[in-house]
């Protein structure tokens, strides 16, 4: 690549980055992570705010920064030999400069370049939209030299900041405001651009890019029509219980293995997630049916089939999205079912049921399900998340179930920590 062209392109990209709206601060103590002397790799779905996070870092780092976005058609001719040219362009920046590389997986042999920067003692942050690709290459070439953080669309707290909601339910008016905000969040999700502009076509285009570029083109999928139908089904049915064999028969795939592979591709680009059934036997858990959840309810609604939304399923999906940020979780089922079992951070477990509105018709099913799970884990208390109810119930055996609205629960539970495995 010609030196003058690359230098001008990098200058243009820097200018474009600085013109970006810095947005709201995300829940990531990135300075502390960089202080550990590792490459910081930030992964997440397209348009979840990774580039904006880099913009925030560029604005807050006092000692200057260098930036390259490899997801740029103008860099299609970039070759491994051009890394030396890139270093010459960056020459003189110094070790205290922050090096930012967006969508690093689009660059050739990028892992060796990062190894070189790390050996030079440079502060480096990279982003990528494919969790498996980055993890495999970082693990192979940069073992012990990197830290990975997953970025998702806005958490509920971040959504409130973006919306300018400052109350915390201290008054009747504030509670009403929180309920309105939580209903909007549960229905429309937290993709930053959509929260800001409220334009459905932004979500539709994001979905098309992910399916066409990040999955079909990258993995060379030949059964394109069937794959698109499978992806559409996954986005249209948050919380659906499925097996690979059942989906293979439904969409005409040759084997359950193909479905398993295709869903793994969707997971790698953060489009959908699988929730396994809890079992003390890992083998039985892996062989059990799964629940599928889309990354974001807004994206699901924009591209999926939602003639009359099941608000209970959407609430369950929003709860899963919150849990996904900080812990490992499963669903529990024996005679009845409990929506989520998750680790409490101290070697134990918590049971959580989700119900849009607890009433006479569903009380036995919802409380019986969580009660069965609590008995299995030997717990005296559990939580039932609703849209707007608050209180408590005592069930068989003297166990207590706290009933809490989503907005309060989402503000109480941590959204950072060790992250999803």
Protein backbone atom coordinates (compact mmCIF):
# COMPACT_ATOMS: atom_id res chain seq x y z
CA UNK A 1 0.00 0.00 0.00
CA UNK A 2 1.34 3.43 -0.93
CA UNK A 3 2.66 5.34 2.09
CA UNK A 4 1.08 8.71 1.33
CA UNK A 5 -2.32 7.10 0.70
CA UNK A 6 -2.22 5.14 3.98
CA UNK A 7 -1.07 8.14 5.98
CA UNK A 8 -3.88 10.29 4.57
CA UNK A 9 -6.44 7.54 5.18
CA UNK A 10 -5.37 7.19 8.83
CA UNK A 11 -5.64 10.95 9.27
CA UNK A 12 -9.14 10.85 7.75
CA UNK A 13 -10.19 8.04 10.08
CA UNK A 14 -8.87 9.92 13.10
CA UNK A 15 -10.86 12.99 12.10
CA UNK A 16 -13.98 10.87 11.55
CA UNK A 17 -13.57 9.28 14.98
CA UNK A 18 -13.24 12.62 16.74
CA UNK A 19 -16.41 13.89 15.06
CA UNK A 20 -18.38 11.05 16.65
CA UNK A 21 -20.71 11.79 19.53
CA UNK A 22 -18.88 10.43 22.62
CA UNK A 23 -22.19 9.17 23.95
CA UNK A 24 -22.73 8.06 27.53
CA UNK A 25 -19.94 6.37 29.53
CA UNK A 26 -20.15 2.57 29.29
CA UNK A 27 -19.81 0.20 32.21
CA UNK A 28 -16.14 -0.64 31.74
CA UNK A 29 -13.20 0.37 33.93
CA UNK A 30 -10.88 0.37 30.93
CA UNK A 31 -8.11 2.43 32.54
CA UNK A 32 -7.75 -0.15 35.31
CA UNK A 33 -7.61 -2.96 32.75
CA UNK A 34 -4.95 -1.21 30.66
CA UNK A 35 -2.96 -0.67 33.85
CA UNK A 36 -2.44 -4.44 33.98
CA UNK A 37 -0.16 -4.27 30.97
CA UNK A 38 -2.31 -6.42 28.69
CA UNK A 39 -3.90 -5.88 25.30
CA UNK A 40 -7.57 -5.07 25.90
CA UNK A 41 -9.87 -6.86 23.42
CA UNK A 42 -13.46 -5.64 23.32
CA UNK A 43 -15.90 -7.91 21.50
CA UNK A 44 -19.58 -7.48 20.77
CA UNK A 45 -22.30 -7.39 18.14
CA UNK A 46 -22.16 -4.78 15.37
CA UNK A 47 -23.46 -1.33 16.36
CA UNK A 48 -23.47 -2.03 20.10
CA UNK A 49 -21.13 0.89 20.75
CA UNK A 50 -17.58 -0.48 20.40
CA UNK A 51 -16.40 2.38 18.16
CA UNK A 52 -18.07 4.91 20.43
CA UNK A 53 -16.23 3.38 23.37
CA UNK A 54 -12.97 3.88 21.47
CA UNK A 55 -14.03 7.49 20.91
CA UNK A 56 -14.47 7.90 24.65
CA UNK A 57 -11.04 6.42 25.28
CA UNK A 58 -9.45 8.70 22.67
CA UNK A 59 -11.02 11.75 24.32
CA UNK A 60 -10.07 10.79 27.85
CA UNK A 61 -6.50 9.55 27.29
CA UNK A 62 -4.30 12.54 28.05
CA UNK A 63 -1.18 11.32 26.25
CA UNK A 64 -2.48 11.04 22.70
CA UNK A 65 -3.81 8.18 20.61
CA UNK A 66 -3.45 6.43 17.26
CA UNK A 67 -6.45 4.88 15.53
CA UNK A 68 -7.15 2.53 12.63
CA UNK A 69 -10.55 1.13 11.61
CA UNK A 70 -9.96 -2.02 9.55
CA UNK A 71 -13.64 -2.34 8.61
CA UNK A 72 -13.11 0.27 5.90
CA UNK A 73 -13.41 -0.50 2.20
CA UNK A 74 -10.45 1.83 1.60
CA UNK A 75 -8.23 -0.68 3.45
CA UNK A 76 -9.17 -3.71 1.35
CA UNK A 77 -5.68 -3.81 -0.17
CA UNK A 78 -3.94 -3.78 3.23
CA UNK A 79 -1.38 -6.61 3.37
CA UNK A 80 0.85 -8.04 6.15
CA UNK A 81 3.84 -6.13 4.77
CA UNK A 82 1.98 -2.89 5.42
CA UNK A 83 2.29 -3.28 9.18
CA UNK A 84 5.87 -1.99 8.97
CA UNK A 85 4.55 1.02 7.09
CA UNK A 86 1.91 1.52 9.76
CA UNK A 87 4.58 1.51 12.46
CA UNK A 88 6.61 4.09 10.54
CA UNK A 89 3.56 6.34 10.27
CA UNK A 90 3.04 5.96 14.03
CA UNK A 91 6.75 6.46 14.78
CA UNK A 92 7.55 8.88 17.56
CA UNK A 93 4.21 8.48 19.29
CA UNK A 94 5.82 6.93 22.36
CA UNK A 95 4.87 4.19 24.78
CA UNK A 96 2.33 6.34 26.61
CA UNK A 97 0.24 6.77 23.46
CA UNK A 98 -2.96 4.73 23.24
CA UNK A 99 -3.23 2.51 20.15
CA UNK A 100 -6.83 1.81 19.08
CA UNK A 101 -7.73 -0.73 16.38
CA UNK A 102 -11.37 -1.15 15.37
CA UNK A 103 -12.67 -4.45 13.89
CA UNK A 104 -9.19 -5.92 14.03
CA UNK A 105 -10.35 -9.30 12.67
CA UNK A 106 -10.70 -7.70 9.21
CA UNK A 107 -6.91 -7.24 8.99
CA UNK A 108 -4.58 -9.98 7.74
CA UNK A 109 -2.37 -11.72 10.33
CA UNK A 110 -3.41 -9.12 12.87
CA UNK A 111 -2.51 -11.31 15.86
CA UNK A 112 1.22 -11.18 15.05
CA UNK A 113 1.12 -7.41 14.74
CA UNK A 114 -0.52 -7.15 18.16
CA UNK A 115 2.13 -9.43 19.63
CA UNK A 116 4.75 -7.05 18.28
CA UNK A 117 3.02 -4.00 19.81
CA UNK A 118 2.72 -5.78 23.14
CA UNK A 119 6.40 -6.69 23.13
CA UNK A 120 7.14 -3.00 22.51
CA UNK A 121 5.19 -2.18 25.69
CA UNK A 122 2.48 -0.15 23.92
CA UNK A 123 -1.01 0.48 25.33
CA UNK A 124 -3.30 -1.31 22.89
CA UNK A 125 -7.08 -1.71 22.60
CA UNK A 126 -8.75 -3.73 19.84
CA UNK A 127 -12.40 -4.39 19.00
CA UNK A 128 -14.05 -7.18 17.04
CA UNK A 129 -17.51 -8.51 16.17
CA UNK A 130 -16.67 -12.22 16.24
CA UNK A 131 -16.06 -13.73 19.66
CA UNK A 132 -14.70 -17.06 18.43
CA UNK A 133 -12.33 -15.55 15.86
CA UNK A 134 -10.77 -13.17 18.34
CA UNK A 135 -10.67 -15.70 21.17
CA UNK A 136 -9.03 -18.41 19.07
CA UNK A 137 -6.34 -16.16 17.62
CA UNK A 138 -5.67 -14.25 20.84
CA UNK A 139 -5.44 -17.53 22.72
CA UNK A 140 -3.06 -19.04 20.17
CA UNK A 141 -0.68 -16.11 19.75
CA UNK A 142 -1.22 -13.87 22.78
CA UNK A 143 -1.74 -16.25 25.69
CA UNK A 144 -1.36 -14.34 28.94
CA UNK A 145 -1.00 -11.05 27.08
CA UNK A 146 -4.61 -9.97 26.65
CA UNK A 147 -7.85 -9.39 28.53
CA UNK A 148 -11.24 -9.73 26.86
CA UNK A 149 -14.39 -7.79 27.67
CA UNK A 150 -17.76 -8.29 26.01
CA UNK A 151 -19.79 -5.19 25.17
CA UNK A 152 -23.53 -5.48 24.65
CA UNK A 153 -26.29 -3.01 23.76
CA UNK A 154 -27.19 -0.64 26.61
CA UNK A 155 -27.96 -2.10 30.01
CA UNK A 156 -31.07 -0.69 31.66
CA UNK A 157 -28.94 1.73 33.70
CA UNK A 158 -27.17 2.93 30.53
CA UNK A 159 -30.55 3.23 28.80
CA UNK A 160 -31.78 5.46 31.64
CA UNK A 161 -28.71 7.68 31.29
CA UNK A 162 -29.26 8.01 27.56
CA UNK A 163 -32.91 8.87 28.13
CA UNK A 164 -32.02 11.39 30.83
CA UNK A 165 -34.01 9.58 33.53
CA UNK A 166 -32.47 10.54 36.85
CA UNK A 167 -35.08 9.37 39.36
CA UNK A 168 -34.69 6.13 41.24
CA UNK A 169 -38.24 5.41 42.34
CA UNK A 170 -38.17 7.65 45.41
CA UNK A 171 -41.62 9.14 44.68
CA UNK A 172 -44.87 8.01 43.05
CA UNK A 173 -44.05 10.14 40.01
CA UNK A 174 -40.56 8.65 39.80
CA UNK A 175 -41.94 5.09 40.00
CA UNK A 176 -44.30 5.88 37.11
CA UNK A 177 -41.37 7.24 35.12
CA UNK A 178 -39.34 4.11 35.82
CA UNK A 179 -42.23 1.88 34.72
CA UNK A 180 -42.59 3.80 31.46
CA UNK A 181 -38.86 3.60 30.83
CA UNK A 182 -38.69 -0.12 31.66
CA UNK A 183 -41.59 -0.93 29.35
CA UNK A 184 -39.85 0.93 26.53
CA UNK A 185 -36.58 -0.85 27.25
CA UNK A 186 -38.22 -4.29 27.46
CA UNK A 187 -39.98 -3.73 24.14
CA UNK A 188 -37.38 -1.74 22.16
CA UNK A 189 -34.06 -2.89 23.62
CA UNK A 190 -30.85 -0.93 23.99
CA UNK A 191 -29.02 -0.55 20.68
CA UNK A 192 -27.46 2.91 21.12
CA UNK A 193 -28.34 4.30 17.68
CA UNK A 194 -31.93 3.14 17.96
CA UNK A 195 -32.35 4.53 21.47
CA UNK A 196 -31.08 7.87 20.18
CA UNK A 197 -32.84 8.13 16.80
CA UNK A 198 -35.81 5.74 17.09
CA UNK A 199 -35.43 4.62 13.45
CA UNK A 200 -36.36 1.00 12.84
CA UNK A 201 -34.37 0.84 9.60
CA UNK A 202 -31.15 1.17 11.62
CA UNK A 203 -31.88 -2.16 13.30
CA UNK A 204 -33.00 -3.77 10.05
CA UNK A 205 -29.75 -2.81 8.32
CA UNK A 206 -27.67 -4.01 11.27
CA UNK A 207 -29.37 -7.40 11.05
CA UNK A 208 -28.85 -7.66 7.30
CA UNK A 209 -25.15 -6.83 7.67
CA UNK A 210 -24.67 -9.43 10.40
CA UNK A 211 -26.44 -12.21 8.51
CA UNK A 212 -24.94 -11.46 5.09
CA UNK A 213 -21.41 -10.33 5.96
CA UNK A 214 -20.57 -11.77 9.35
CA UNK A 215 -22.19 -15.19 8.92
CA UNK A 216 -23.14 -16.22 5.37
CA UNK A 217 -20.12 -14.69 3.63
CA UNK A 218 -17.54 -15.40 6.34
CA UNK A 219 -18.54 -19.04 6.88
CA UNK A 220 -19.45 -19.81 3.27
CA UNK A 221 -22.98 -21.01 4.04
CA UNK A 222 -24.57 -22.67 1.02
CA UNK A 223 -28.06 -23.32 2.42
CA UNK A 224 -28.71 -19.60 2.47
CA UNK A 225 -32.48 -19.62 2.32
CA UNK A 226 -32.85 -22.22 5.04
CA UNK A 227 -30.27 -20.44 7.18
CA UNK A 228 -32.12 -17.12 6.85
CA UNK A 229 -35.35 -18.85 7.89
CA UNK A 230 -33.61 -20.39 10.90
CA UNK A 231 -32.17 -17.01 11.92
CA UNK A 232 -35.58 -15.36 11.47
CA UNK A 233 -37.16 -18.03 13.69
CA UNK A 234 -34.54 -17.51 16.40
CA UNK A 235 -35.13 -13.75 16.36
CA UNK A 236 -38.92 -14.14 16.37
CA UNK A 237 -39.19 -16.49 19.36
CA UNK A 238 -37.34 -15.20 22.43
CA UNK A 239 -37.13 -17.87 25.10
CA UNK A 240 -38.28 -20.70 22.82
CA UNK A 241 -37.31 -24.22 23.88
CA UNK A 242 -35.72 -26.19 21.06
CA UNK A 243 -33.57 -29.14 20.07
CA UNK A 244 -31.27 -29.21 17.07
CA UNK A 245 -33.08 -32.21 15.62
CA UNK A 246 -36.47 -30.55 15.81
CA UNK A 247 -35.18 -27.43 14.07
CA UNK A 248 -33.45 -29.52 11.39
CA UNK A 249 -36.74 -31.21 10.53
CA UNK A 250 -38.65 -27.95 10.61
CA UNK A 251 -36.36 -26.10 8.19
CA UNK A 252 -35.27 -29.01 6.01
CA UNK A 253 -31.62 -29.30 7.00
CA UNK A 254 -29.87 -32.57 6.29
CA UNK A 255 -28.78 -33.09 9.89
CA UNK A 256 -29.04 -31.71 13.41
CA UNK A 257 -25.30 -31.09 13.21
CA UNK A 258 -25.87 -28.40 10.58
CA UNK A 259 -28.34 -26.61 12.85
CA UNK A 260 -25.94 -26.83 15.79
CA UNK A 261 -23.19 -25.34 13.64
CA UNK A 262 -25.38 -22.54 12.27
CA UNK A 263 -26.62 -21.52 15.70
CA UNK A 264 -23.01 -21.49 16.93
CA UNK A 265 -22.21 -19.02 14.13
CA UNK A 266 -25.05 -16.79 15.35
CA UNK A 267 -23.64 -16.98 18.86
CA UNK A 268 -20.14 -16.11 17.69
CA UNK A 269 -21.38 -12.82 16.22
CA UNK A 270 -23.59 -12.20 19.29
CA UNK A 271 -26.90 -12.44 17.40
CA UNK A 272 -28.48 -15.10 19.63
CA UNK A 273 -27.57 -16.97 22.80
CA UNK A 274 -28.35 -20.45 24.06
CA UNK A 275 -29.42 -21.26 27.61
CA UNK A 276 -28.87 -24.83 28.78
CA UNK A 277 -30.93 -26.80 31.25
CA UNK A 278 -29.31 -27.07 34.69
CA UNK A 279 -27.99 -30.49 35.61
CA UNK A 280 -25.24 -31.60 37.94
CA UNK A 281 -24.04 -33.75 35.02
CA UNK A 282 -22.39 -31.58 32.36
CA UNK A 283 -23.01 -34.28 29.76
CA UNK A 284 -26.76 -34.34 30.44
CA UNK A 285 -26.86 -30.55 30.44
CA UNK A 286 -25.14 -30.40 27.05
CA UNK A 287 -27.55 -32.97 25.61
CA UNK A 288 -30.67 -31.25 26.93
CA UNK A 289 -32.95 -28.98 24.95
CA UNK A 290 -31.91 -25.32 24.83
CA UNK A 291 -33.65 -21.99 25.09
CA UNK A 292 -32.81 -19.37 22.48
CA UNK A 293 -32.67 -15.65 23.23
CA UNK A 294 -31.91 -12.82 20.78
CA UNK A 295 -29.22 -10.35 21.77
CA UNK A 296 -31.74 -7.50 21.98
CA UNK A 297 -35.53 -7.22 22.01
CA UNK A 298 -35.49 -4.20 19.73
CA UNK A 299 -33.52 -6.06 17.08
CA UNK A 300 -35.83 -9.04 17.52
CA UNK A 301 -38.91 -6.87 17.03
CA UNK A 302 -37.50 -5.07 14.01
CA UNK A 303 -36.70 -8.18 11.99
CA UNK A 304 -38.68 -11.00 13.60
CA UNK A 305 -42.35 -11.92 13.42
CA UNK A 306 -44.22 -10.23 16.28
CA UNK A 307 -47.95 -9.88 15.38
CA UNK A 308 -49.05 -9.49 19.01
CA UNK A 309 -46.08 -9.32 21.36
CA UNK A 310 -45.93 -11.72 24.29
CA UNK A 311 -44.78 -9.25 26.93
CA UNK A 312 -43.97 -12.08 29.33
CA UNK A 313 -41.49 -13.55 26.83
CA UNK A 314 -40.01 -10.13 26.15
CA UNK A 315 -39.56 -9.53 29.88
CA UNK A 316 -37.89 -12.94 30.21
CA UNK A 317 -35.56 -12.05 27.33
CA UNK A 318 -34.67 -8.71 28.95
CA UNK A 319 -33.91 -10.47 32.24
CA UNK A 320 -31.67 -12.96 30.43
CA UNK A 321 -29.89 -10.07 28.70
CA UNK A 322 -29.13 -8.54 32.09
CA UNK A 323 -27.95 -11.83 33.64
CA UNK A 324 -25.76 -12.52 30.61
CA UNK A 325 -23.60 -9.52 31.49
CA UNK A 326 -22.31 -10.79 34.81
CA UNK A 327 -22.88 -14.48 35.45
CA UNK A 328 -23.41 -18.00 34.19
CA UNK A 329 -27.08 -19.01 34.09
CA UNK A 330 -29.32 -21.96 33.19
CA UNK A 331 -33.00 -22.80 33.22
CA UNK A 332 -34.35 -25.43 35.63
CA UNK A 333 -36.97 -28.03 34.84
CA UNK A 334 -38.26 -31.10 36.62
CA UNK A 335 -42.00 -31.47 37.11
CA UNK A 336 -42.33 -27.71 36.73
CA UNK A 337 -39.99 -25.02 35.51
CA UNK A 338 -37.98 -22.07 36.79
CA UNK A 339 -36.82 -19.57 34.18
CA UNK A 340 -33.31 -18.94 35.54
CA UNK A 341 -30.80 -20.39 37.94
CA UNK A 342 -27.59 -18.41 38.23
CA UNK A 343 -24.42 -18.26 40.24
CA UNK A 344 -24.35 -15.92 43.22
CA UNK A 345 -20.59 -15.24 43.07
CA UNK A 346 -19.95 -17.14 46.32
CA UNK A 347 -20.17 -20.70 45.08
CA UNK A 348 -23.93 -20.93 45.46
CA UNK A 349 -26.98 -20.43 43.27
CA UNK A 350 -30.04 -18.21 43.05
CA UNK A 351 -33.44 -19.01 41.56
CA UNK A 352 -35.32 -16.44 39.53
CA UNK A 353 -38.75 -16.65 37.90
CA UNK A 354 -40.13 -14.15 35.39
CA UNK A 355 -43.79 -13.25 34.97
CA UNK A 356 -45.27 -10.11 33.41
CA UNK A 357 -48.11 -10.00 35.96
CA UNK A 358 -48.73 -12.47 38.76
CA UNK A 359 -52.43 -13.30 39.06
CA UNK A 360 -54.78 -16.06 40.13
CA UNK A 361 -54.59 -17.90 36.80
CA UNK A 362 -50.80 -18.25 36.79
CA UNK A 363 -49.91 -18.07 40.49
CA UNK A 364 -49.69 -21.83 41.05
CA UNK A 365 -47.53 -22.37 37.96
CA UNK A 366 -45.11 -19.51 38.61
CA UNK A 367 -44.69 -19.95 42.37
CA UNK A 368 -44.73 -23.73 42.10
CA UNK A 369 -41.95 -23.65 39.51
CA UNK A 370 -39.60 -21.47 41.50
CA UNK A 371 -40.52 -23.32 44.69
CA UNK A 372 -39.48 -26.62 43.15
CA UNK A 373 -36.15 -25.13 42.07
CA UNK A 374 -35.53 -23.60 45.50
CA UNK A 375 -36.17 -26.97 47.13
CA UNK A 376 -33.74 -28.65 44.72
CA UNK A 377 -30.97 -26.16 45.59
CA UNK A 378 -31.83 -26.00 49.30
CA UNK A 379 -32.66 -22.27 49.19
CA UNK A 380 -34.94 -20.43 51.59
CA UNK A 381 -35.57 -17.48 49.27
CA UNK A 382 -35.95 -16.67 45.59
CA UNK A 383 -36.98 -13.82 43.32
CA UNK A 384 -39.87 -13.32 40.92
CA UNK A 385 -39.41 -10.43 38.46
CA UNK A 386 -42.58 -8.77 37.13
CA UNK A 387 -43.32 -5.63 35.18
CA UNK A 388 -44.92 -3.56 37.96
CA UNK A 389 -45.65 -5.70 41.04
CA UNK A 390 -43.74 -5.60 44.28
CA UNK A 391 -44.12 -7.57 47.49
CA UNK A 392 -43.56 -11.11 48.69
CA UNK A 393 -45.07 -14.57 48.97
CA UNK A 394 -44.53 -17.46 51.37
CA UNK A 395 -44.78 -20.85 49.74
CA UNK A 396 -44.59 -24.50 50.86
CA UNK A 397 -41.91 -25.22 53.42
CA UNK A 398 -41.84 -21.61 54.63
CA UNK A 399 -39.75 -20.46 51.69
CA UNK A 400 -40.12 -16.83 50.65
CA UNK A 401 -40.34 -15.38 47.16
CA UNK A 402 -39.56 -11.72 46.73
CA UNK A 403 -41.65 -10.08 44.00
CA UNK A 404 -39.90 -7.14 42.37
CA UNK A 405 -40.45 -5.02 39.24
CA UNK A 406 -37.89 -5.32 36.49
CA UNK A 407 -36.68 -1.73 36.82
CA UNK A 408 -35.77 -2.17 40.48
CA UNK A 409 -34.20 -5.60 40.00
CA UNK A 410 -32.08 -4.44 37.04
CA UNK A 411 -30.75 -1.51 39.06
CA UNK A 412 -29.87 -3.71 42.03
CA UNK A 413 -28.11 -6.58 40.26
CA UNK A 414 -24.54 -5.94 39.07
CA UNK A 415 -23.97 -5.50 35.34
CA UNK A 416 -20.21 -6.03 35.40
CA UNK A 417 -17.95 -8.72 36.76
CA UNK A 418 -16.37 -11.82 35.35
CA UNK A 419 -18.75 -11.84 32.35
CA UNK A 420 -20.31 -14.62 30.30
CA UNK A 421 -18.24 -17.74 29.72
